[in-house]
Amino acid sequence: MMSYHFYWLVSAFFGLAAGFSASGNNNTVVYWGNNAYNHNPNFQSSSTQERLSTYCTDEVDIVVLAFLTTFPNADSGPAGFAINFANQCGTKFSDGLLDCTQIGEDIKTCQEKGIKVLLSLGGDSSVSTYGFSKESDGSSFASVLWDYFGEGTAQERPFGSATVDGFDLDIENKDQIGYVSMVDKLRELFQGASKDYFISAAPQCVYPDESLSDVLEKSKVDFAFIQFYNNPSCNANSEGFNLAKWEEFADSTAYNGDIKLFVGVPGADYAAGSGYADPSELKTIISAHQSNAHFGGVMIWDASVAVNNIIDDQSYLSLVNGYLKQSTNSLSQRALSEIDDPIIDTTSSTASNQVTRTVVQTFYEVIVETEYEIFTTGIASYQRDSKIKANSPKGPSSTPLIVSKVEMRKREESGSIATVPNLIAAILVFVSVSLLV
């Protein structure tokens, strides 16, 4: 009979292999739809955002559509809201609501690649009009969002049959009425849905945020895309950078004790009034905070800017995503140091022991490249469950079940890891062995 821990290791691997992980610490988030590249000081006719699918690459884990700009508003037609995606949607239904068929197609394309797509509400309050007059209005509007963008039944849906993966609150008008009830109602609607849905918020880095502190403290918000820009007192490139303060908030004050915090930065210096962190500054921030349990990754404003900001032949987006993903090497070293004994047993020369050695070696080489906590927990569990004790190599083969720490460091430095096909083969072998044990 297969052990519980075998199921655990397999499920852990496939959850990580998909790219996005709600509990991960290396997610890359981009906003899209506002055409921020159009603000390029060296503007040319080609300085414009491309269609959504262009940015759904393996360098992105979450795309946030910006924005649903006006709500609730009877002047916006029966739906009571307006959306704006700049140059990417102009066709309208008969009542004036935008009919963004191409965006709907691209949402599905992104989701097929494992990328989550959220719809953001709000934005710059100087150009958008939004807000509720009483708390219950938020609950009512949650049903509208579900009908038009979730698994609801609205006849005129801006994205057609496509459904977003959740909603983002980029509220900046310092009016907090209605958002707690809106999020709570959305959570009710998410129950029994066909997939997982998420709620995010994009507070200013100044703590506490004047527009979103209520919802962060009273409702379940999965991700906080903190804007460490346009706020000189706490910008990412300033001495006042205060992610540590937000980590304290996540530990002690946030309604969701598992909330993930993202360092929000502009994708180029012209994308915001202040706060642009060059790659070396951002790399330092990631290295200093990624081991915190609440660290979720980096958010960039916006996609069109980040892919066109070229530094040493690489885009800003590529560099940031690389920093986030590469950091797992250093975390794996921490994992190794926290395991009391290497998980090796070379005292037996039986065929099953030889196979198990190879299988777990392959699992190790891949999992160690992913998440530190999952690795240490999973291997420790396997160690206890199997009661494998470290001994000196004996018998016909001296191949260790797990390579030494020194050898692992060498492999990390050389970039050598097991391939996915090898892992799939290993899983099949592991199943066979487990059935025999």
Protein backbone atom coordinates (compact mmCIF):
# COMPACT_ATOMS: atom_id res chain seq x y z
CA MET A 1 0.00 0.00 0.00
CA MET A 2 1.39 3.42 -0.92
CA SER A 3 2.35 5.57 2.04
CA TYR A 4 0.72 8.88 2.89
CA HIS A 5 4.02 10.67 2.37
CA PHE A 6 4.36 9.42 -1.19
CA TYR A 7 1.04 11.05 -2.04
CA TRP A 8 2.25 14.14 -0.21
CA LEU A 9 5.50 14.42 -2.18
CA VAL A 10 3.79 13.91 -5.53
CA SER A 11 1.07 16.48 -4.85
CA ALA A 12 3.64 18.94 -3.53
CA PHE A 13 5.74 18.61 -6.66
CA PHE A 14 2.92 19.06 -9.14
CA GLY A 15 1.57 22.04 -7.20
CA LEU A 16 4.99 23.66 -7.50
CA ALA A 17 5.64 22.66 -11.09
CA ALA A 18 2.63 24.62 -12.31
CA GLY A 19 4.43 27.92 -11.67
CA PHE A 20 1.91 29.89 -9.67
CA SER A 21 1.51 28.85 -6.05
CA ALA A 22 -0.84 30.71 -3.74
CA SER A 23 1.44 29.84 -0.85
CA GLY A 24 4.65 30.45 -2.80
CA ASN A 25 7.31 33.09 -2.18
CA ASN A 26 8.45 33.64 -5.77
CA ASN A 27 5.39 34.78 -7.74
CA THR A 28 5.75 37.52 -10.34
CA VAL A 29 2.69 39.77 -10.74
CA VAL A 30 2.08 42.33 -13.50
CA TYR A 31 -0.73 44.78 -14.07
CA TRP A 32 -1.97 45.12 -17.63
CA GLY A 33 -4.52 47.26 -19.46
CA ASN A 34 -3.62 50.83 -18.54
CA ASN A 35 -1.08 51.20 -21.36
CA ALA A 36 1.60 52.67 -19.09
CA TYR A 37 4.18 52.23 -21.85
CA ASN A 38 2.41 55.09 -23.60
CA HIS A 39 3.98 57.38 -21.00
CA ASN A 40 7.45 56.57 -22.30
CA PRO A 41 9.33 59.93 -22.59
CA ASN A 42 10.82 58.63 -25.85
CA PHE A 43 7.32 57.98 -27.15
CA GLN A 44 7.03 56.55 -30.63
CA SER A 45 4.03 55.21 -32.48
CA SER A 46 5.08 51.70 -31.39
CA SER A 47 5.11 52.70 -27.71
CA THR A 48 1.86 51.02 -26.81
CA GLN A 49 0.77 47.93 -24.95
CA GLU A 50 0.20 44.69 -26.84
CA ARG A 51 -2.71 42.32 -26.41
CA LEU A 52 -2.94 40.47 -23.11
CA SER A 53 -1.69 37.11 -24.38
CA THR A 54 1.62 38.70 -25.38
CA TYR A 55 2.56 39.05 -21.73
CA CYS A 56 1.42 35.62 -20.58
CA THR A 57 4.84 34.00 -20.65
CA ASP A 58 6.68 31.76 -18.21
CA GLU A 59 8.01 34.94 -16.56
CA VAL A 60 4.56 35.82 -15.18
CA ASP A 61 2.43 34.07 -12.55
CA ILE A 62 -0.45 36.54 -12.07
CA VAL A 63 -1.85 39.19 -14.43
CA VAL A 64 -4.08 41.89 -12.99
CA LEU A 65 -6.44 43.58 -15.47
CA ALA A 66 -6.62 47.35 -14.94
CA PHE A 67 -9.24 48.66 -14.43
CA LEU A 68 -12.91 48.49 -13.62
CA THR A 69 -12.87 52.25 -13.18
CA THR A 70 -16.41 53.38 -12.36
CA PHE A 71 -18.78 51.79 -9.86
CA PRO A 72 -21.53 51.75 -8.93
CA ASN A 73 -22.91 54.19 -11.46
CA ALA A 74 -26.39 54.16 -13.02
CA ASP A 75 -25.07 56.28 -15.89
CA SER A 76 -22.91 53.32 -16.95
CA GLY A 77 -25.95 51.35 -18.09
CA PRO A 78 -27.74 48.38 -16.55
CA ALA A 79 -24.47 46.89 -15.31
CA GLY A 80 -23.75 49.94 -13.16
CA PHE A 81 -20.02 49.99 -13.88
CA ALA A 82 -17.49 50.91 -16.55
CA ILE A 83 -14.21 49.26 -17.57
CA ASN A 84 -11.26 50.73 -19.43
CA PHE A 85 -8.37 48.86 -21.04
CA ALA A 86 -7.04 51.72 -23.16
CA ASN A 87 -6.22 50.62 -26.70
CA GLN A 88 -7.22 46.99 -26.18
CA CYS A 89 -11.00 47.22 -26.19
CA GLY A 90 -13.32 49.59 -28.04
CA THR A 91 -16.31 47.52 -29.18
CA LYS A 92 -19.48 48.02 -27.15
CA PHE A 93 -22.75 46.28 -26.48
CA SER A 94 -25.88 48.22 -27.41
CA ASP A 95 -26.17 49.67 -23.90
CA GLY A 96 -22.61 51.03 -23.98
CA LEU A 97 -20.83 48.34 -21.92
CA LEU A 98 -17.51 47.34 -23.46
CA ASP A 99 -17.50 44.00 -25.29
CA CYS A 100 -13.89 42.81 -24.99
CA THR A 101 -13.99 39.53 -26.92
CA GLN A 102 -10.25 39.44 -27.60
CA ILE A 103 -9.41 39.98 -23.95
CA GLY A 104 -11.76 37.13 -23.07
CA GLU A 105 -9.93 34.84 -25.49
CA ASP A 106 -6.58 35.90 -24.05
CA ILE A 107 -7.75 35.30 -20.47
CA LYS A 108 -8.35 31.67 -21.40
CA THR A 109 -4.96 31.47 -23.12
CA CYS A 110 -3.22 32.79 -20.01
CA GLN A 111 -5.12 30.44 -17.72
CA GLU A 112 -4.24 27.45 -19.89
CA LYS A 113 -0.60 28.28 -19.13
CA GLY A 114 -1.26 28.22 -15.39
CA ILE A 115 -1.33 32.02 -15.05
CA LYS A 116 -3.99 33.52 -12.80
CA VAL A 117 -5.95 36.50 -14.09
CA LEU A 118 -7.53 38.98 -11.66
CA LEU A 119 -9.72 42.01 -12.39
CA SER A 120 -8.75 45.18 -10.54
CA LEU A 121 -11.30 47.68 -9.26
CA GLY A 122 -10.47 51.34 -8.79
CA GLY A 123 -7.14 52.85 -9.76
CA ASP A 124 -6.09 56.48 -9.69
CA SER A 125 -9.00 58.28 -8.03
CA SER A 126 -8.16 61.48 -9.88
CA VAL A 127 -9.31 59.89 -13.14
CA SER A 128 -11.76 57.27 -11.88
CA THR A 129 -15.03 57.58 -9.97
CA TYR A 130 -15.90 54.80 -7.56
CA GLY A 131 -17.16 54.08 -4.08
CA PHE A 132 -20.24 53.10 -2.08
CA SER A 133 -22.60 55.26 -0.05
CA LYS A 134 -23.40 52.53 2.50
CA GLU A 135 -21.88 49.23 3.58
CA SER A 136 -24.60 47.02 2.09
CA ASP A 137 -23.93 48.46 -1.38
CA GLY A 138 -20.69 46.55 -1.41
CA SER A 139 -22.46 43.25 -0.93
CA SER A 140 -24.87 44.03 -3.76
CA PHE A 141 -22.04 44.95 -6.09
CA ALA A 142 -20.24 41.68 -5.32
CA SER A 143 -23.16 39.88 -6.96
CA VAL A 144 -22.81 42.13 -10.01
CA LEU A 145 -19.10 41.28 -10.30
CA TRP A 146 -19.88 37.59 -10.02
CA ASP A 147 -22.57 37.76 -12.70
CA TYR A 148 -20.45 39.65 -15.23
CA PHE A 149 -16.94 38.30 -14.58
CA GLY A 150 -17.32 35.15 -12.47
CA GLU A 151 -19.59 32.15 -12.81
CA GLY A 152 -22.76 34.22 -12.94
CA THR A 153 -25.57 34.54 -15.46
CA ALA A 154 -25.37 38.04 -16.96
CA GLN A 155 -26.38 38.11 -20.63
CA GLU A 156 -23.81 40.75 -21.59
CA ARG A 157 -20.44 39.68 -20.30
CA PRO A 158 -17.42 41.86 -21.26
CA PHE A 159 -15.12 38.82 -21.46
CA GLY A 160 -17.68 36.42 -22.88
CA SER A 161 -17.52 32.94 -21.38
CA ALA A 162 -14.11 33.59 -19.78
CA THR A 163 -14.08 33.88 -15.99
CA VAL A 164 -11.41 35.74 -14.07
CA ASP A 165 -9.64 34.07 -11.13
CA GLY A 166 -10.57 36.75 -8.63
CA PHE A 167 -10.70 40.45 -7.92
CA ASP A 168 -8.18 43.07 -6.88
CA LEU A 169 -8.92 46.23 -4.89
CA ASP A 170 -6.78 49.18 -5.95
CA ILE A 171 -8.78 51.69 -3.93
CA GLU A 172 -7.08 55.07 -3.60
CA ASN A 173 -9.81 57.58 -2.69
CA LYS A 174 -9.58 57.10 1.11
CA ASP A 175 -13.21 55.97 1.27
CA GLN A 176 -13.46 52.53 2.87
CA ILE A 177 -17.23 52.10 2.97
CA GLY A 178 -18.59 48.87 1.51
CA TYR A 179 -15.45 46.87 0.75
CA VAL A 180 -15.59 44.57 3.76
CA SER A 181 -19.13 43.48 2.88
CA MET A 182 -18.17 43.19 -0.79
CA VAL A 183 -15.27 40.83 -0.07
CA ASP A 184 -17.32 38.82 2.40
CA LYS A 185 -20.09 38.38 -0.16
CA LEU A 186 -17.60 37.38 -2.84
CA ARG A 187 -16.25 34.73 -0.49
CA GLU A 188 -19.76 33.34 -0.17
CA LEU A 189 -20.13 33.23 -3.94
CA PHE A 190 -16.76 31.49 -4.31
CA GLN A 191 -18.01 28.55 -2.27
CA GLY A 192 -18.93 25.65 -4.51
CA ALA A 193 -17.39 27.31 -7.59
CA SER A 194 -15.61 25.30 -10.27
CA LYS A 195 -12.14 26.55 -9.29
CA ASP A 196 -10.27 28.54 -6.67
CA TYR A 197 -10.82 32.30 -6.59
CA PHE A 198 -8.63 34.93 -4.96
CA ILE A 199 -8.94 38.40 -3.48
CA SER A 200 -6.06 40.87 -3.57
CA ALA A 201 -5.59 44.46 -2.47
CA ALA A 202 -3.06 47.07 -3.54
CA PRO A 203 -2.46 49.37 -0.56
CA GLN A 204 -0.02 52.26 -0.52
CA CYS A 205 3.14 51.48 1.44
CA VAL A 206 2.36 54.15 4.02
CA TYR A 207 1.03 52.21 7.01
CA PRO A 208 -1.81 51.97 7.73
CA ASP A 209 -3.28 52.51 4.30
CA GLU A 210 -6.09 55.07 4.35
CA SER A 211 -8.20 53.30 1.73
CA LEU A 212 -7.80 49.59 2.44
CA SER A 213 -6.90 49.07 6.09
CA ASP A 214 -10.48 48.06 7.00
CA VAL A 215 -10.77 45.30 4.44
CA LEU A 216 -7.26 44.03 5.21
CA GLU A 217 -8.08 43.80 8.90
CA LYS A 218 -11.67 42.55 8.69
CA SER A 219 -11.91 40.32 5.59
CA LYS A 220 -9.91 37.53 4.04
CA VAL A 221 -7.53 39.01 1.49
CA ASP A 222 -5.11 36.53 -0.09
CA PHE A 223 -2.50 38.91 -1.52
CA ALA A 224 -1.38 42.45 -0.73
CA PHE A 225 0.31 44.10 -3.72
CA ILE A 226 1.88 46.91 -1.73
CA GLN A 227 2.71 50.02 -3.76
CA PHE A 228 6.25 50.94 -2.74
CA TYR A 229 6.24 53.80 -5.21
CA ASN A 230 4.75 57.29 -5.45
CA ASN A 231 5.29 57.40 -1.68
CA PRO A 232 8.72 58.99 -0.99
CA SER A 233 8.58 58.14 2.73
CA CYS A 234 8.48 54.37 2.09
CA ASN A 235 9.44 53.81 -1.56
CA ALA A 236 11.35 50.66 -2.43
CA ASN A 237 14.46 52.73 -3.25
CA SER A 238 14.34 54.83 -0.08
CA GLU A 239 15.75 54.51 3.42
CA GLY A 240 12.17 54.46 4.68
CA PHE A 241 11.31 51.22 2.83
CA ASN A 242 8.99 49.58 5.35
CA LEU A 243 8.22 46.03 4.26
CA ALA A 244 9.21 44.94 7.78
CA LYS A 245 6.29 46.98 9.12
CA TRP A 246 3.91 45.19 6.77
CA GLU A 247 5.35 41.87 7.89
CA GLU A 248 4.47 42.82 11.47
CA PHE A 249 0.97 43.67 10.26
CA ALA A 250 0.66 40.27 8.57
CA ASP A 251 1.76 38.53 11.77
CA SER A 252 -0.45 40.37 14.21
CA THR A 253 -3.22 42.41 12.60
CA ALA A 254 -4.28 41.01 9.24
CA TYR A 255 -7.57 39.09 9.21
CA ASN A 256 -5.92 36.46 7.03
CA GLY A 257 -2.98 35.11 9.02
CA ASP A 258 -1.62 33.55 5.84
CA ILE A 259 -1.74 36.71 3.70
CA LYS A 260 1.06 37.03 1.15
CA LEU A 261 2.86 40.36 0.74
CA PHE A 262 4.24 41.55 -2.58
CA VAL A 263 6.80 44.28 -3.18
CA GLY A 264 5.15 46.59 -5.72
CA VAL A 265 7.50 48.54 -8.00
CA PRO A 266 7.23 50.45 -11.28
CA GLY A 267 8.70 48.66 -14.30
CA ALA A 268 10.71 51.74 -15.31
CA ASP A 269 11.50 55.15 -13.88
CA TYR A 270 8.84 56.88 -16.02
CA ALA A 271 6.06 54.50 -14.92
CA ALA A 272 5.64 56.28 -11.58
CA GLY A 273 6.43 59.62 -10.02
CA SER A 274 8.98 58.01 -7.69
CA GLY A 275 10.06 54.66 -6.29
CA TYR A 276 11.72 52.93 -9.23
CA ALA A 277 14.13 50.31 -7.85
CA ASP A 278 16.89 49.27 -10.21
CA PRO A 279 17.49 45.51 -10.50
CA SER A 280 20.35 45.42 -8.01
CA GLU A 281 18.25 47.21 -5.37
CA LEU A 282 15.34 44.85 -5.91
CA LYS A 283 17.59 41.81 -5.76
CA THR A 284 18.82 42.96 -2.34
CA ILE A 285 15.23 43.37 -1.13
CA ILE A 286 14.26 39.90 -2.35
CA SER A 287 17.27 38.31 -0.70
CA ALA A 288 16.53 40.03 2.61
CA HIS A 289 12.81 39.20 2.82
CA GLN A 290 12.05 36.10 0.76
CA SER A 291 12.49 33.75 3.69
CA ASN A 292 9.71 35.52 5.60
CA ALA A 293 6.59 33.36 5.75
CA HIS A 294 4.44 36.18 4.34
CA PHE A 295 6.61 37.07 1.36
CA GLY A 296 4.75 36.34 -1.87
CA GLY A 297 6.88 37.89 -4.60
CA VAL A 298 7.05 41.09 -6.63
CA MET A 299 4.32 43.13 -8.31
CA ILE A 300 5.25 45.32 -11.30
CA TRP A 301 3.38 48.29 -12.77
CA ASP A 302 2.94 47.47 -15.57
CA ALA A 303 3.57 44.64 -18.06
CA SER A 304 4.05 46.85 -21.12
CA VAL A 305 6.68 48.91 -19.30
CA ALA A 306 8.52 45.98 -17.70
CA VAL A 307 9.10 44.07 -20.94
CA ASN A 308 10.41 47.17 -22.72
CA ASN A 309 12.81 48.30 -20.01
CA ILE A 310 15.95 46.58 -21.30
CA ILE A 311 18.96 46.30 -19.00
CA ASP A 312 22.06 44.43 -20.18
CA ASP A 313 20.05 42.75 -22.91
CA GLN A 314 17.37 41.53 -20.50
CA SER A 315 13.98 43.01 -19.73
CA TYR A 316 13.22 44.28 -16.25
CA LEU A 317 10.50 41.64 -16.04
CA SER A 318 12.94 38.86 -16.90
CA LEU A 319 15.49 40.05 -14.36
CA VAL A 320 12.96 40.33 -11.54
CA ASN A 321 11.42 36.94 -12.25
CA GLY A 322 14.90 35.44 -12.40
CA TYR A 323 15.82 36.84 -9.00
CA LEU A 324 12.66 35.40 -7.49
CA LYS A 325 13.06 31.94 -8.99
CA GLN A 326 16.83 31.60 -8.56
CA SER A 327 16.59 32.29 -4.86
CA THR A 328 15.44 28.72 -4.25
CA ASN A 329 19.06 27.61 -4.56
CA SER A 330 20.06 29.51 -1.42
CA LEU A 331 16.91 28.31 0.35
CA SER A 332 17.80 24.72 -0.46
CA GLN A 333 21.10 25.17 1.35
CA ARG A 334 19.14 26.25 4.43
CA ALA A 335 16.96 23.16 4.04
CA LEU A 336 20.00 20.93 3.97
CA SER A 337 21.43 22.50 7.09
CA GLU A 338 18.22 21.86 9.04
CA ILE A 339 18.03 18.13 8.36
CA ASP A 340 19.87 16.31 11.15
CA ASP A 341 20.98 13.31 9.11
CA PRO A 342 21.38 12.70 5.38
CA ILE A 343 18.63 10.35 4.30
CA ILE A 344 20.85 7.53 3.14
CA ASP A 345 20.87 3.83 3.63
CA THR A 346 23.46 2.04 1.61
CA THR A 347 23.67 -0.94 3.94
CA SER A 348 21.30 -2.89 1.74
CA SER A 349 22.07 -4.11 -1.76
CA THR A 350 18.56 -5.33 -2.52
CA ALA A 351 16.97 -4.33 -5.80
CA SER A 352 14.17 -2.44 -4.06
CA ASN A 353 16.66 -0.42 -2.04
CA GLN A 354 18.63 0.42 -5.19
CA VAL A 355 15.46 1.61 -6.94
CA THR A 356 14.31 3.61 -3.93
CA ARG A 357 17.69 5.27 -3.75
CA THR A 358 17.43 6.46 -7.34
CA VAL A 359 13.81 7.58 -7.00
CA VAL A 360 14.25 9.66 -3.87
CA GLN A 361 17.44 11.14 -5.29
CA THR A 362 15.44 12.40 -8.27
CA PHE A 363 12.66 13.75 -6.03
CA TYR A 364 15.25 15.52 -3.94
CA GLU A 365 17.03 17.22 -6.82
CA VAL A 366 13.80 18.70 -8.12
CA ILE A 367 12.02 19.51 -4.87
CA VAL A 368 15.10 21.16 -3.40
CA GLU A 369 14.85 23.67 -6.23
CA THR A 370 11.35 24.68 -5.22
CA GLU A 371 10.10 25.60 -1.78
CA TYR A 372 12.22 25.42 1.33
CA GLU A 373 9.42 24.68 3.78
CA ILE A 374 7.81 21.99 1.65
CA PHE A 375 11.18 20.34 1.09
CA THR A 376 12.20 20.23 4.74
CA THR A 377 8.78 19.08 5.93
CA GLY A 378 8.43 16.41 3.25
CA ILE A 379 11.89 14.93 3.59
CA ALA A 380 11.72 14.96 7.39
CA SER A 381 8.38 13.14 7.20
CA TYR A 382 9.81 10.57 4.81
CA GLN A 383 12.79 10.12 7.11
CA ARG A 384 10.56 9.44 10.11
CA ASP A 385 8.10 7.29 8.19
CA SER A 386 10.73 5.05 6.63
CA LYS A 387 13.01 5.02 9.69
CA ILE A 388 16.03 5.31 7.43
CA LYS A 389 19.25 5.88 9.34
CA ALA A 390 22.43 7.33 7.87
CA ASN A 391 25.29 4.88 7.61
CA SER A 392 28.53 4.56 5.70
CA PRO A 393 28.19 3.20 2.15
CA LYS A 394 28.44 -0.61 2.03
CA GLY A 395 27.60 -3.37 -0.36
CA PRO A 396 27.90 -3.61 -4.16
CA SER A 397 26.76 -0.03 -4.74
CA SER A 398 27.88 3.03 -2.80
CA THR A 399 25.50 5.45 -4.52
CA PRO A 400 23.93 7.52 -1.71
CA LEU A 401 20.20 7.96 -1.44
CA ILE A 402 20.76 11.69 -1.02
CA VAL A 403 23.93 13.36 -2.22
CA SER A 404 26.16 15.06 0.30
CA LYS A 405 25.77 18.71 1.18
CA VAL A 406 29.04 19.54 -0.55
CA GLU A 407 28.00 17.78 -3.73
CA MET A 408 24.58 19.46 -3.66
CA ARG A 409 26.21 22.87 -3.45
CA LYS A 410 28.38 21.98 -6.44
CA ARG A 411 25.32 20.94 -8.39
CA GLU A 412 23.50 24.14 -7.46
CA GLU A 413 26.45 26.22 -8.63
CA SER A 414 26.66 24.35 -11.92
CA GLY A 415 22.89 24.55 -12.44
CA SER A 416 22.50 20.77 -12.66
CA ILE A 417 19.06 19.47 -11.67
CA ALA A 418 16.86 16.56 -12.64
CA THR A 419 14.59 17.01 -15.65
CA VAL A 420 10.80 16.79 -15.48
CA PRO A 421 10.73 13.63 -17.67
CA ASN A 422 13.14 12.01 -15.21
CA LEU A 423 10.87 12.94 -12.34
CA ILE A 424 7.80 11.54 -14.07
CA ALA A 425 9.67 8.28 -14.63
CA ALA A 426 10.75 8.36 -10.99
CA ILE A 427 7.18 8.77 -9.82
CA LEU A 428 6.09 5.73 -11.81
CA VAL A 429 8.90 3.68 -10.31
CA PHE A 430 8.09 4.99 -6.83
CA VAL A 431 4.47 3.88 -7.26
CA SER A 432 5.60 0.39 -8.18
CA VAL A 433 8.02 0.16 -5.26
CA SER A 434 5.47 1.55 -2.79
CA LEU A 435 2.92 -1.04 -3.86
CA LEU A 436 5.39 -3.77 -3.02
CA VAL A 437 6.39 -2.38 0.37
